[in-house]
PDB file of all heavy atoms in Angstrom:
ATOM      1  N   VAL A   1       0.856  -1.186   0.000  1.00  0.00           N
ATOM      2  CA  VAL A   1       0.000   0.000   0.000  1.00  0.00           C
ATOM      3  C   VAL A   1       0.892   1.236   0.000  1.00  0.00           C
ATOM      4  O   VAL A   1       1.799   1.368   0.823  1.00  0.00           O
ATOM      5  CB  VAL A   1      -0.934   0.028   1.226  1.00  0.00           C
ATOM      6  CG1 VAL A   1      -1.785   1.299   1.212  1.00  0.00           C
ATOM      7  CG2 VAL A   1      -1.821  -1.199   1.242  1.00  0.00           C
ATOM      8  N   GLY A   2       0.645   2.139  -0.946  1.00  0.00           N
ATOM      9  CA  GLY A   2       1.413   3.369  -1.038  1.00  0.00           C
ATOM     10  C   GLY A   2       0.587   4.571  -0.634  1.00  0.00           C
ATOM     11  O   GLY A   2      -0.647   4.559  -0.696  1.00  0.00           O
ATOM     12  N   LEU A   3       1.272   5.630  -0.223  1.00  0.00           N
ATOM     13  CA  LEU A   3       0.630   6.884   0.160  1.00  0.00           C
ATOM     14  C   LEU A   3       1.323   8.020  -0.578  1.00  0.00           C
ATOM     15  O   LEU A   3       2.552   8.121  -0.582  1.00  0.00           O
ATOM     16  CB  LEU A   3       0.749   7.110   1.666  1.00  0.00           C
ATOM     17  CG  LEU A   3       0.266   8.477   2.195  1.00  0.00           C
ATOM     18  CD1 LEU A   3      -1.243   8.630   2.019  1.00  0.00           C
ATOM     19  CD2 LEU A   3       0.655   8.655   3.661  1.00  0.00           C
ATOM     20  N   LEU A   4       0.525   8.882  -1.213  1.00  0.00           N
ATOM     21  CA  LEU A   4       1.033  10.108  -1.825  1.00  0.00           C
ATOM     22  C   LEU A   4       0.409  11.300  -1.123  1.00  0.00           C
ATOM     23  O   LEU A   4      -0.820  11.415  -1.046  1.00  0.00           O
ATOM     24  CB  LEU A   4       0.682  10.160  -3.318  1.00  0.00           C
ATOM     25  CG  LEU A   4       0.859  11.540  -3.983  1.00  0.00           C
ATOM     26  CD1 LEU A   4       2.319  11.960  -3.994  1.00  0.00           C
ATOM     27  CD2 LEU A   4       0.282  11.547  -5.395  1.00  0.00           C
ATOM     28  N   LEU A   5       1.255  12.187  -0.612  1.00  0.00           N
ATOM     29  CA  LEU A   5       0.814  13.443  -0.021  1.00  0.00           C
ATOM     30  C   LEU A   5       1.335  14.573  -0.905  1.00  0.00           C
ATOM     31  O   LEU A   5       2.545  14.738  -1.063  1.00  0.00           O
ATOM     32  CB  LEU A   5       1.349  13.584   1.413  1.00  0.00           C
ATOM     33  CG  LEU A   5       0.918  12.484   2.386  1.00  0.00           C
ATOM     34  CD1 LEU A   5       1.586  12.686   3.748  1.00  0.00           C
ATOM     35  CD2 LEU A   5      -0.601  12.452   2.542  1.00  0.00           C
ATOM     36  N   THR A   6       0.427  15.331  -1.500  1.00  0.00           N
ATOM     37  CA  THR A   6       0.818  16.351  -2.470  1.00  0.00           C
ATOM     38  C   THR A   6       1.134  17.669  -1.774  1.00  0.00           C
ATOM     39  O   THR A   6       1.095  17.781  -0.553  1.00  0.00           O
ATOM     40  CB  THR A   6      -0.285  16.560  -3.512  1.00  0.00           C
ATOM     41  OG1 THR A   6      -1.458  17.065  -2.855  1.00  0.00           O
ATOM     42  CG2 THR A   6      -0.620  15.270  -4.217  1.00  0.00           C
ATOM     43  N   GLY A   7       1.447  18.686  -2.587  1.00  0.00           N
ATOM     44  CA  GLY A   7       1.884  19.959  -2.043  1.00  0.00           C
ATOM     45  C   GLY A   7       0.751  20.932  -1.783  1.00  0.00           C
ATOM     46  O   GLY A   7      -0.413  20.643  -2.016  1.00  0.00           O
ATOM     47  N   GLY A   8       1.159  22.114  -1.299  1.00  0.00           N
ATOM     48  CA  GLY A   8       0.162  23.142  -1.067  1.00  0.00           C
ATOM     49  C   GLY A   8       0.392  24.016   0.147  1.00  0.00           C
ATOM     50  O   GLY A   8      -0.562  24.618   0.649  1.00  0.00           O
ATOM     51  N   GLY A   9       1.626  24.096   0.658  1.00  0.00           N
ATOM     52  CA  GLY A   9       1.884  24.960   1.797  1.00  0.00           C
ATOM     53  C   GLY A   9       0.975  24.629   2.966  1.00  0.00           C
ATOM     54  O   GLY A   9       0.816  23.468   3.348  1.00  0.00           O
ATOM     55  N   ALA A  10       0.329  25.657   3.522  1.00  0.00           N
ATOM     56  CA  ALA A  10      -0.538  25.463   4.683  1.00  0.00           C
ATOM     57  C   ALA A  10      -1.745  24.587   4.364  1.00  0.00           C
ATOM     58  O   ALA A  10      -2.367  24.030   5.282  1.00  0.00           O
ATOM     59  CB  ALA A  10      -1.001  26.820   5.216  1.00  0.00           C
ATOM     60  N   ARG A  11      -2.080  24.440   3.092  1.00  0.00           N
ATOM     61  CA  ARG A  11      -3.188  23.562   2.719  1.00  0.00           C
ATOM     62  C   ARG A  11      -2.932  22.110   3.123  1.00  0.00           C
ATOM     63  O   ARG A  11      -3.862  21.306   3.190  1.00  0.00           O
ATOM     64  CB  ARG A  11      -3.417  23.617   1.205  1.00  0.00           C
ATOM     65  CG  ARG A  11      -3.953  24.944   0.688  1.00  0.00           C
ATOM     66  CD  ARG A  11      -4.041  24.925  -0.831  1.00  0.00           C
ATOM     67  NE  ARG A  11      -4.581  26.163  -1.376  1.00  0.00           N
ATOM     68  CZ  ARG A  11      -5.625  26.228  -2.208  1.00  0.00           C
ATOM     69  NH1 ARG A  11      -6.230  25.115  -2.588  1.00  0.00           N
ATOM     70  NH2 ARG A  11      -6.056  27.379  -2.668  1.00  0.00           N
ATOM     71  N   ALA A  12      -1.678  21.762   3.380  1.00  0.00           N
ATOM     72  CA  ALA A  12      -1.344  20.392   3.761  1.00  0.00           C
ATOM     73  C   ALA A  12      -1.926  20.008   5.116  1.00  0.00           C
ATOM     74  O   ALA A  12      -1.887  18.833   5.499  1.00  0.00           O
ATOM     75  CB  ALA A  12       0.173  20.198   3.775  1.00  0.00           C
ATOM     76  N   ALA A  13      -2.490  20.961   5.842  1.00  0.00           N
ATOM     77  CA  ALA A  13      -3.203  20.628   7.081  1.00  0.00           C
ATOM     78  C   ALA A  13      -4.351  19.662   6.798  1.00  0.00           C
ATOM     79  O   ALA A  13      -4.706  18.831   7.644  1.00  0.00           O
ATOM     80  CB  ALA A  13      -3.737  21.901   7.735  1.00  0.00           C
ATOM     81  N   TYR A  14      -4.925  19.766   5.617  1.00  0.00           N
ATOM     82  CA  TYR A  14      -6.012  18.869   5.216  1.00  0.00           C
ATOM     83  C   TYR A  14      -5.560  17.414   5.302  1.00  0.00           C
ATOM     84  O   TYR A  14      -6.317  16.545   5.758  1.00  0.00           O
ATOM     85  CB  TYR A  14      -6.455  19.211   3.797  1.00  0.00           C
ATOM     86  CG  TYR A  14      -7.533  18.319   3.230  1.00  0.00           C
ATOM     87  CD1 TYR A  14      -8.880  18.582   3.482  1.00  0.00           C
ATOM     88  CD2 TYR A  14      -7.213  17.224   2.438  1.00  0.00           C
ATOM     89  CE1 TYR A  14      -9.873  17.763   2.962  1.00  0.00           C
ATOM     90  CE2 TYR A  14      -8.194  16.406   1.911  1.00  0.00           C
ATOM     91  CZ  TYR A  14      -9.529  16.678   2.183  1.00  0.00           C
ATOM     92  OH  TYR A  14     -10.512  15.856   1.669  1.00  0.00           O
ATOM     93  N   GLN A  15      -4.325  17.138   4.887  1.00  0.00           N
ATOM     94  CA  GLN A  15      -3.797  15.774   4.917  1.00  0.00           C
ATOM     95  C   GLN A  15      -3.794  15.209   6.329  1.00  0.00           C
ATOM     96  O   GLN A  15      -4.054  14.021   6.537  1.00  0.00           O
ATOM     97  CB  GLN A  15      -2.366  15.762   4.363  1.00  0.00           C
ATOM     98  CG  GLN A  15      -2.226  16.283   2.955  1.00  0.00           C
ATOM     99  CD  GLN A  15      -0.779  16.549   2.575  1.00  0.00           C
ATOM    100  OE1 GLN A  15       0.136  16.303   3.368  1.00  0.00           O
ATOM    101  NE2 GLN A  15      -0.563  17.049   1.362  1.00  0.00           N
ATOM    102  N   VAL A  16      -3.476  16.057   7.291  1.00  0.00           N
ATOM    103  CA  VAL A  16      -3.375  15.603   8.677  1.00  0.00           C
ATOM    104  C   VAL A  16      -4.752  15.175   9.194  1.00  0.00           C
ATOM    105  O   VAL A  16      -4.875  14.178   9.915  1.00  0.00           O
ATOM    106  CB  VAL A  16      -2.765  16.707   9.563  1.00  0.00           C
ATOM    107  CG1 VAL A  16      -2.652  16.248  11.012  1.00  0.00           C
ATOM    108  CG2 VAL A  16      -1.389  17.107   9.033  1.00  0.00           C
ATOM    109  N   GLY A  17      -5.799  15.905   8.810  1.00  0.00           N
ATOM    110  CA  GLY A  17      -7.152  15.498   9.179  1.00  0.00           C
ATOM    111  C   GLY A  17      -7.525  14.161   8.559  1.00  0.00           C
ATOM    112  O   GLY A  17      -8.168  13.314   9.201  1.00  0.00           O
ATOM    113  N   VAL A  18      -7.106  13.940   7.305  1.00  0.00           N
ATOM    114  CA  VAL A  18      -7.361  12.660   6.639  1.00  0.00           C
ATOM    115  C   VAL A  18      -6.661  11.530   7.386  1.00  0.00           C
ATOM    116  O   VAL A  18      -7.252  10.478   7.669  1.00  0.00           O
ATOM    117  CB  VAL A  18      -6.886  12.710   5.169  1.00  0.00           C
ATOM    118  CG1 VAL A  18      -6.959  11.325   4.533  1.00  0.00           C
ATOM    119  CG2 VAL A  18      -7.724  13.711   4.373  1.00  0.00           C
ATOM    120  N   LEU A  19      -5.402  11.737   7.720  1.00  0.00           N
ATOM    121  CA  LEU A  19      -4.626  10.705   8.417  1.00  0.00           C
ATOM    122  C   LEU A  19      -5.196  10.416   9.801  1.00  0.00           C
ATOM    123  O   LEU A  19      -5.229   9.260  10.248  1.00  0.00           O
ATOM    124  CB  LEU A  19      -3.166  11.141   8.526  1.00  0.00           C
ATOM    125  CG  LEU A  19      -2.412  11.219   7.194  1.00  0.00           C
ATOM    126  CD1 LEU A  19      -1.084  11.957   7.369  1.00  0.00           C
ATOM    127  CD2 LEU A  19      -2.170   9.819   6.630  1.00  0.00           C
ATOM    128  N   GLU A  20      -5.665  11.457  10.482  1.00  0.00           N
ATOM    129  CA  GLU A  20      -6.270  11.259  11.797  1.00  0.00           C
ATOM    130  C   GLU A  20      -7.527  10.393  11.691  1.00  0.00           C
ATOM    131  O   GLU A  20      -7.750   9.494  12.504  1.00  0.00           O
ATOM    132  CB  GLU A  20      -6.607  12.612  12.423  1.00  0.00           C
ATOM    133  CG  GLU A  20      -7.101  12.515  13.866  1.00  0.00           C
ATOM    134  CD  GLU A  20      -7.408  13.870  14.461  1.00  0.00           C
ATOM    135  OE1 GLU A  20      -7.695  14.819  13.686  1.00  0.00           O
ATOM    136  OE2 GLU A  20      -7.367  13.997  15.693  1.00  0.00           O
ATOM    137  N   ALA A  21      -8.341  10.642  10.670  1.00  0.00           N
ATOM    138  CA  ALA A  21      -9.549   9.838  10.470  1.00  0.00           C
ATOM    139  C   ALA A  21      -9.192   8.393  10.129  1.00  0.00           C
ATOM    140  O   ALA A  21      -9.848   7.457  10.601  1.00  0.00           O
ATOM    141  CB  ALA A  21     -10.407  10.453   9.366  1.00  0.00           C
ATOM    142  N   ILE A  22      -8.162   8.193   9.315  1.00  0.00           N
ATOM    143  CA  ILE A  22      -7.728   6.831   8.974  1.00  0.00           C
ATOM    144  C   ILE A  22      -7.272   6.089  10.229  1.00  0.00           C
ATOM    145  O   ILE A  22      -7.588   4.904  10.416  1.00  0.00           O
ATOM    146  CB  ILE A  22      -6.607   6.878   7.911  1.00  0.00           C
ATOM    147  CG1 ILE A  22      -7.186   7.317   6.564  1.00  0.00           C
ATOM    148  CG2 ILE A  22      -5.914   5.521   7.778  1.00  0.00           C
ATOM    149  CD1 ILE A  22      -6.145   7.554   5.491  1.00  0.00           C
ATOM    150  N   ALA A  23      -6.534   6.767  11.088  1.00  0.00           N
ATOM    151  CA  ALA A  23      -6.100   6.142  12.341  1.00  0.00           C
ATOM    152  C   ALA A  23      -7.300   5.734  13.192  1.00  0.00           C
ATOM    153  O   ALA A  23      -7.316   4.648  13.801  1.00  0.00           O
ATOM    154  CB  ALA A  23      -5.195   7.096  13.115  1.00  0.00           C
ATOM    155  N   ASP A  24      -8.318   6.587  13.238  1.00  0.00           N
ATOM    156  CA  ASP A  24      -9.520   6.271  14.023  1.00  0.00           C
ATOM    157  C   ASP A  24     -10.295   5.103  13.409  1.00  0.00           C
ATOM    158  O   ASP A  24     -10.821   4.248  14.139  1.00  0.00           O
ATOM    159  CB  ASP A  24     -10.414   7.504  14.129  1.00  0.00           C
ATOM    160  CG  ASP A  24      -9.840   8.569  15.055  1.00  0.00           C
ATOM    161  OD1 ASP A  24      -8.875   8.256  15.783  1.00  0.00           O
ATOM    162  OD2 ASP A  24     -10.334   9.713  15.016  1.00  0.00           O
ATOM    163  N   LEU A  25     -10.392   5.074  12.089  1.00  0.00           N
ATOM    164  CA  LEU A  25     -11.097   3.975  11.427  1.00  0.00           C
ATOM    165  C   LEU A  25     -10.372   2.651  11.665  1.00  0.00           C
ATOM    166  O   LEU A  25     -11.005   1.609  11.859  1.00  0.00           O
ATOM    167  CB  LEU A  25     -11.210   4.251   9.927  1.00  0.00           C
ATOM    168  CG  LEU A  25     -12.181   5.357   9.517  1.00  0.00           C
ATOM    169  CD1 LEU A  25     -12.096   5.622   8.017  1.00  0.00           C
ATOM    170  CD2 LEU A  25     -13.621   4.986   9.895  1.00  0.00           C
ATOM    171  N   ARG A  26      -9.053   2.696  11.655  1.00  0.00           N
ATOM    172  CA  ARG A  26      -8.301   1.467  11.910  1.00  0.00           C
ATOM    173  C   ARG A  26      -8.514   0.989  13.346  1.00  0.00           C
ATOM    174  O   ARG A  26      -8.655  -0.205  13.595  1.00  0.00           O
ATOM    175  CB  ARG A  26      -6.807   1.676  11.638  1.00  0.00           C
ATOM    176  CG  ARG A  26      -6.020   0.380  11.724  1.00  0.00           C
ATOM    177  CD  ARG A  26      -4.598   0.513  11.256  1.00  0.00           C
ATOM    178  NE  ARG A  26      -3.743   1.151  12.243  1.00  0.00           N
ATOM    179  CZ  ARG A  26      -2.413   0.977  12.267  1.00  0.00           C
ATOM    180  NH1 ARG A  26      -1.825   0.207  11.362  1.00  0.00           N
ATOM    181  NH2 ARG A  26      -1.691   1.591  13.170  1.00  0.00           N
ATOM    182  N   LEU A  27      -8.546   1.919  14.270  1.00  0.00           N
ATOM    183  CA  LEU A  27      -8.792   1.567  15.672  1.00  0.00           C
ATOM    184  C   LEU A  27     -10.177   0.952  15.830  1.00  0.00           C
ATOM    185  O   LEU A  27     -10.352  -0.062  16.522  1.00  0.00           O
ATOM    186  CB  LEU A  27      -8.658   2.813  16.551  1.00  0.00           C
ATOM    187  CG  LEU A  27      -8.840   2.605  18.056  1.00  0.00           C
ATOM    188  CD1 LEU A  27      -7.733   1.705  18.611  1.00  0.00           C
ATOM    189  CD2 LEU A  27      -8.833   3.959  18.783  1.00  0.00           C
ATOM    190  N   ALA A  28     -11.180   1.550  15.166  1.00  0.00           N
ATOM    191  CA  ALA A  28     -12.547   1.036  15.245  1.00  0.00           C
ATOM    192  C   ALA A  28     -12.657  -0.358  14.629  1.00  0.00           C
ATOM    193  O   ALA A  28     -13.482  -1.172  15.059  1.00  0.00           O
ATOM    194  CB  ALA A  28     -13.510   1.999  14.553  1.00  0.00           C
ATOM    195  N   ALA A  29     -11.813  -0.623  13.615  1.00  0.00           N
ATOM    196  CA  ALA A  29     -11.836  -1.936  12.958  1.00  0.00           C
ATOM    197  C   ALA A  29     -11.052  -2.983  13.752  1.00  0.00           C
ATOM    198  O   ALA A  29     -10.996  -4.147  13.351  1.00  0.00           O
ATOM    199  CB  ALA A  29     -11.262  -1.818  11.550  1.00  0.00           C
ATOM    200  N   ARG A  30     -10.431  -2.536  14.850  1.00  0.00           N
ATOM    201  CA  ARG A  30      -9.673  -3.429  15.737  1.00  0.00           C
ATOM    202  C   ARG A  30      -8.570  -4.176  14.986  1.00  0.00           C
ATOM    203  O   ARG A  30      -8.397  -5.387  15.127  1.00  0.00           O
ATOM    204  CB  ARG A  30     -10.616  -4.426  16.433  1.00  0.00           C
ATOM    205  CG  ARG A  30     -11.664  -3.743  17.315  1.00  0.00           C
ATOM    206  CD  ARG A  30     -12.531  -4.753  18.021  1.00  0.00           C
ATOM    207  NE  ARG A  30     -13.527  -4.075  18.865  1.00  0.00           N
ATOM    208  CZ  ARG A  30     -14.426  -4.703  19.618  1.00  0.00           C
ATOM    209  NH1 ARG A  30     -14.463  -6.031  19.624  1.00  0.00           N
ATOM    210  NH2 ARG A  30     -15.284  -4.018  20.347  1.00  0.00           N
ATOM    211  N   VAL A  31      -7.858  -3.415  14.195  1.00  0.00           N
ATOM    212  CA  VAL A  31      -6.720  -3.993  13.481  1.00  0.00           C
ATOM    213  C   VAL A  31      -5.573  -4.164  14.479  1.00  0.00           C
ATOM    214  O   VAL A  31      -5.125  -3.199  15.086  1.00  0.00           O
ATOM    215  CB  VAL A  31      -6.284  -3.083  12.310  1.00  0.00           C
ATOM    216  CG1 VAL A  31      -5.040  -3.646  11.625  1.00  0.00           C
ATOM    217  CG2 VAL A  31      -7.430  -2.932  11.320  1.00  0.00           C
ATOM    218  N   GLY A  32      -5.120  -5.370  14.659  1.00  0.00           N
ATOM    219  CA  GLY A  32      -4.081  -5.645  15.647  1.00  0.00           C
ATOM    220  C   GLY A  32      -2.694  -5.359  15.119  1.00  0.00           C
ATOM    221  O   GLY A  32      -1.839  -6.251  15.067  1.00  0.00           O
ATOM    222  N   GLU A  33      -2.450  -4.148  14.726  1.00  0.00           N
ATOM    223  CA  GLU A  33      -1.167  -3.773  14.127  1.00  0.00           C
ATOM    224  C   GLU A  33      -0.864  -2.338  14.493  1.00  0.00           C
ATOM    225  O   GLU A  33      -1.697  -1.450  14.290  1.00  0.00           O
ATOM    226  CB  GLU A  33      -1.242  -3.937  12.606  1.00  0.00           C
ATOM    227  CG  GLU A  33      -0.042  -3.420  11.844  1.00  0.00           C
ATOM    228  CD  GLU A  33       1.220  -4.163  12.213  1.00  0.00           C
ATOM    229  OE1 GLU A  33       1.369  -5.315  11.778  1.00  0.00           O
ATOM    230  OE2 GLU A  33       2.050  -3.563  12.935  1.00  0.00           O
TER     231      GLU A  33
END
């Protein structure tokens, strides 16, 4: 699985919200990793 994070200066804050949601979804799915 690959991840691409594109550019955009301060707009890159959007990426952090995406990653935070992914972390929460993984926790909810009880992925043991």
